[in-house]
Amino acid sequence: MRAFKRLDTVFATTKSLLSHMPAVWSRLSCALNPWGALRAEREATVLYLTYAADTVDIIETRLDQYRDAACEFASLFNDGMLASHVAERFTCSEAEGIAKFFRAVEHPDVADLWLECHAEGDDDEDDLHYQGERSEPVELVLAS
């Protein structure tokens, strides 16, 4: 017991000297107690995993909100009367953008409706969605 009391004063003196140098103390404590370093690493890992799980929950909630909004938007735009009055006034690239959006949110029927209604307004042979008869044969080049 006396030996431990003598060591206690040595450790107390060392600890008070090292308290002014925290980097040295952390290295020394890791060398003296490797389990403490593993515990600190485990606690940090738990903290990071908790943060990651919270982030995933937030993102999942936000994606559900976006999905619901896109479905509501698609249900509003799934109106033939609206599409026939508005879609023919869009440029081809605008109509393609709308169709691309509806296909991305898994509503291809709404995309086809808007492209079909847009094509009714395309009266120039150079338009992308022109459905009338062409005066010259058109060569289609497939991109690879």
Protein backbone atom coordinates (compact mmCIF):
# COMPACT_ATOMS: atom_id res chain seq x y z
CA MET A 1 0.00 0.00 0.00
CA ARG A 2 2.86 2.35 0.76
CA ALA A 3 4.27 1.87 -2.72
CA PHE A 4 0.99 3.05 -4.26
CA LYS A 5 0.93 6.09 -2.00
CA ARG A 6 4.40 7.02 -3.17
CA LEU A 7 3.39 6.56 -6.82
CA ASP A 8 0.27 8.60 -6.23
CA THR A 9 2.33 11.70 -5.47
CA VAL A 10 4.46 11.09 -8.58
CA PHE A 11 1.39 10.79 -10.81
CA ALA A 12 -0.24 13.85 -9.23
CA THR A 13 2.90 15.90 -9.84
CA THR A 14 3.19 14.62 -13.41
CA LYS A 15 -0.47 15.27 -14.05
CA SER A 16 -0.25 18.85 -12.76
CA LEU A 17 2.80 19.49 -14.95
CA LEU A 18 1.13 17.99 -18.00
CA SER A 19 -2.13 19.86 -17.52
CA HIS A 20 -0.47 22.83 -19.19
CA MET A 21 0.34 20.66 -22.22
CA PRO A 22 -2.88 18.85 -23.23
CA ALA A 23 -1.42 17.25 -26.37
CA VAL A 24 1.33 15.58 -24.36
CA TRP A 25 -1.18 14.45 -21.76
CA SER A 26 -3.45 12.86 -24.38
CA ARG A 27 -0.53 10.97 -25.92
CA LEU A 28 0.66 9.88 -22.50
CA SER A 29 -2.80 8.77 -21.40
CA CYS A 30 -3.22 6.76 -24.63
CA ALA A 31 0.13 5.09 -24.03
CA LEU A 32 -0.72 4.30 -20.41
CA ASN A 33 -4.31 3.25 -21.09
CA PRO A 34 -4.91 1.89 -24.62
CA TRP A 35 -8.48 0.93 -23.69
CA GLY A 36 -9.26 4.58 -23.09
CA ALA A 37 -8.23 5.42 -26.64
CA LEU A 38 -10.44 2.64 -27.99
CA ARG A 39 -13.33 3.87 -25.87
CA ALA A 40 -12.88 7.41 -27.18
CA GLU A 41 -12.76 6.09 -30.74
CA ARG A 42 -15.91 4.04 -30.15
CA GLU A 43 -17.73 7.04 -28.68
CA ALA A 44 -16.71 9.18 -31.65
CA THR A 45 -17.93 6.49 -34.05
CA VAL A 46 -21.27 6.30 -32.25
CA LEU A 47 -21.56 10.08 -32.47
CA TYR A 48 -20.81 10.10 -36.21
CA LEU A 49 -23.22 7.23 -36.91
CA THR A 50 -25.95 8.99 -34.93
CA TYR A 51 -25.35 12.14 -36.93
CA ALA A 52 -25.47 10.16 -40.19
CA ALA A 53 -28.74 8.46 -39.19
CA ASP A 54 -30.30 11.81 -38.32
CA THR A 55 -29.17 13.22 -41.66
CA VAL A 56 -30.68 10.27 -43.53
CA ASP A 57 -33.98 10.76 -41.67
CA ILE A 58 -34.06 14.44 -42.59
CA ILE A 59 -33.29 13.69 -46.24
CA GLU A 60 -35.91 10.93 -46.35
CA THR A 61 -38.54 13.31 -44.98
CA ARG A 62 -37.57 15.97 -47.52
CA LEU A 63 -37.69 13.47 -50.40
CA ASP A 64 -41.17 12.38 -49.32
CA GLN A 65 -42.26 16.01 -49.37
CA TYR A 66 -40.82 16.47 -52.87
CA ARG A 67 -42.45 13.26 -54.08
CA ASP A 68 -45.85 14.32 -52.71
CA ALA A 69 -45.53 17.77 -54.29
CA ALA A 70 -44.56 16.25 -57.66
CA CYS A 71 -47.54 13.87 -57.56
CA GLU A 72 -49.88 16.73 -56.72
CA PHE A 73 -48.36 18.78 -59.55
CA ALA A 74 -48.84 15.85 -61.94
CA SER A 75 -52.47 15.40 -60.89
CA LEU A 76 -53.10 19.10 -61.60
CA PHE A 77 -51.39 18.93 -64.99
CA ASN A 78 -53.15 15.68 -65.97
CA ASP A 79 -55.94 17.72 -67.54
CA GLY A 80 -56.44 17.49 -71.29
CA MET A 81 -58.25 20.82 -71.48
CA LEU A 82 -55.43 22.65 -69.70
CA ALA A 83 -52.80 20.92 -71.81
CA SER A 84 -54.57 21.65 -75.11
CA HIS A 85 -54.82 25.37 -74.31
CA VAL A 86 -51.35 25.87 -72.86
CA ALA A 87 -48.98 23.27 -74.34
CA GLU A 88 -49.15 24.53 -77.91
CA ARG A 89 -47.78 27.89 -76.78
CA PHE A 90 -44.60 26.33 -75.39
CA THR A 91 -41.45 26.00 -77.42
CA CYS A 92 -40.31 22.46 -78.19
CA SER A 93 -37.54 22.62 -75.60
CA GLU A 94 -39.97 23.82 -72.92
CA ALA A 95 -42.41 21.01 -73.74
CA GLU A 96 -39.55 18.50 -73.65
CA GLY A 97 -38.47 19.86 -70.26
CA ILE A 98 -41.97 19.45 -68.85
CA ALA A 99 -42.19 15.93 -70.26
CA LYS A 100 -38.76 15.08 -68.85
CA PHE A 101 -39.88 16.26 -65.41
CA PHE A 102 -43.06 14.19 -65.46
CA ARG A 103 -41.16 11.10 -66.60
CA ALA A 104 -38.60 11.63 -63.83
CA VAL A 105 -41.34 11.68 -61.19
CA GLU A 106 -42.88 8.52 -62.69
CA HIS A 107 -45.85 10.09 -64.49
CA PRO A 108 -45.17 9.23 -68.15
CA ASP A 109 -48.86 9.48 -69.08
CA VAL A 110 -48.88 13.18 -68.15
CA ALA A 111 -45.65 13.68 -70.13
CA ASP A 112 -47.19 12.04 -73.21
CA LEU A 113 -50.34 14.15 -72.84
CA TRP A 114 -48.38 17.40 -72.80
CA LEU A 115 -46.18 16.39 -75.73
CA GLU A 116 -49.23 15.33 -77.74
CA CYS A 117 -51.04 18.61 -77.02
CA HIS A 118 -47.87 20.56 -77.80
CA ALA A 119 -47.50 18.75 -81.12
CA GLU A 120 -50.96 19.95 -82.19
CA GLY A 121 -49.61 23.51 -82.18
CA ASP A 122 -46.44 22.70 -84.15
CA ASP A 123 -47.29 23.74 -87.69
CA ASP A 124 -43.78 24.26 -89.05
CA GLU A 125 -42.00 21.29 -90.60
CA ASP A 126 -38.82 22.23 -88.75
CA ASP A 127 -40.49 21.84 -85.36
CA LEU A 128 -39.42 18.83 -83.35
CA HIS A 129 -42.96 17.58 -82.69
CA TYR A 130 -44.49 18.36 -86.10
CA GLN A 131 -47.03 15.65 -87.02
CA GLY A 132 -48.27 16.87 -90.40
CA GLU A 133 -47.08 15.68 -93.80
CA ARG A 134 -43.62 16.71 -94.80
CA SER A 135 -42.77 18.09 -98.21
CA GLU A 136 -39.35 16.39 -98.28
CA PRO A 137 -38.32 13.03 -96.88
CA VAL A 138 -36.53 13.38 -93.59
CA GLU A 139 -33.39 11.41 -92.81
CA LEU A 140 -33.23 10.30 -89.24
CA VAL A 141 -29.77 10.00 -87.77
CA LEU A 142 -29.56 7.85 -84.68
CA ALA A 143 -27.05 8.97 -82.12
CA SER A 144 -24.96 6.21 -80.66
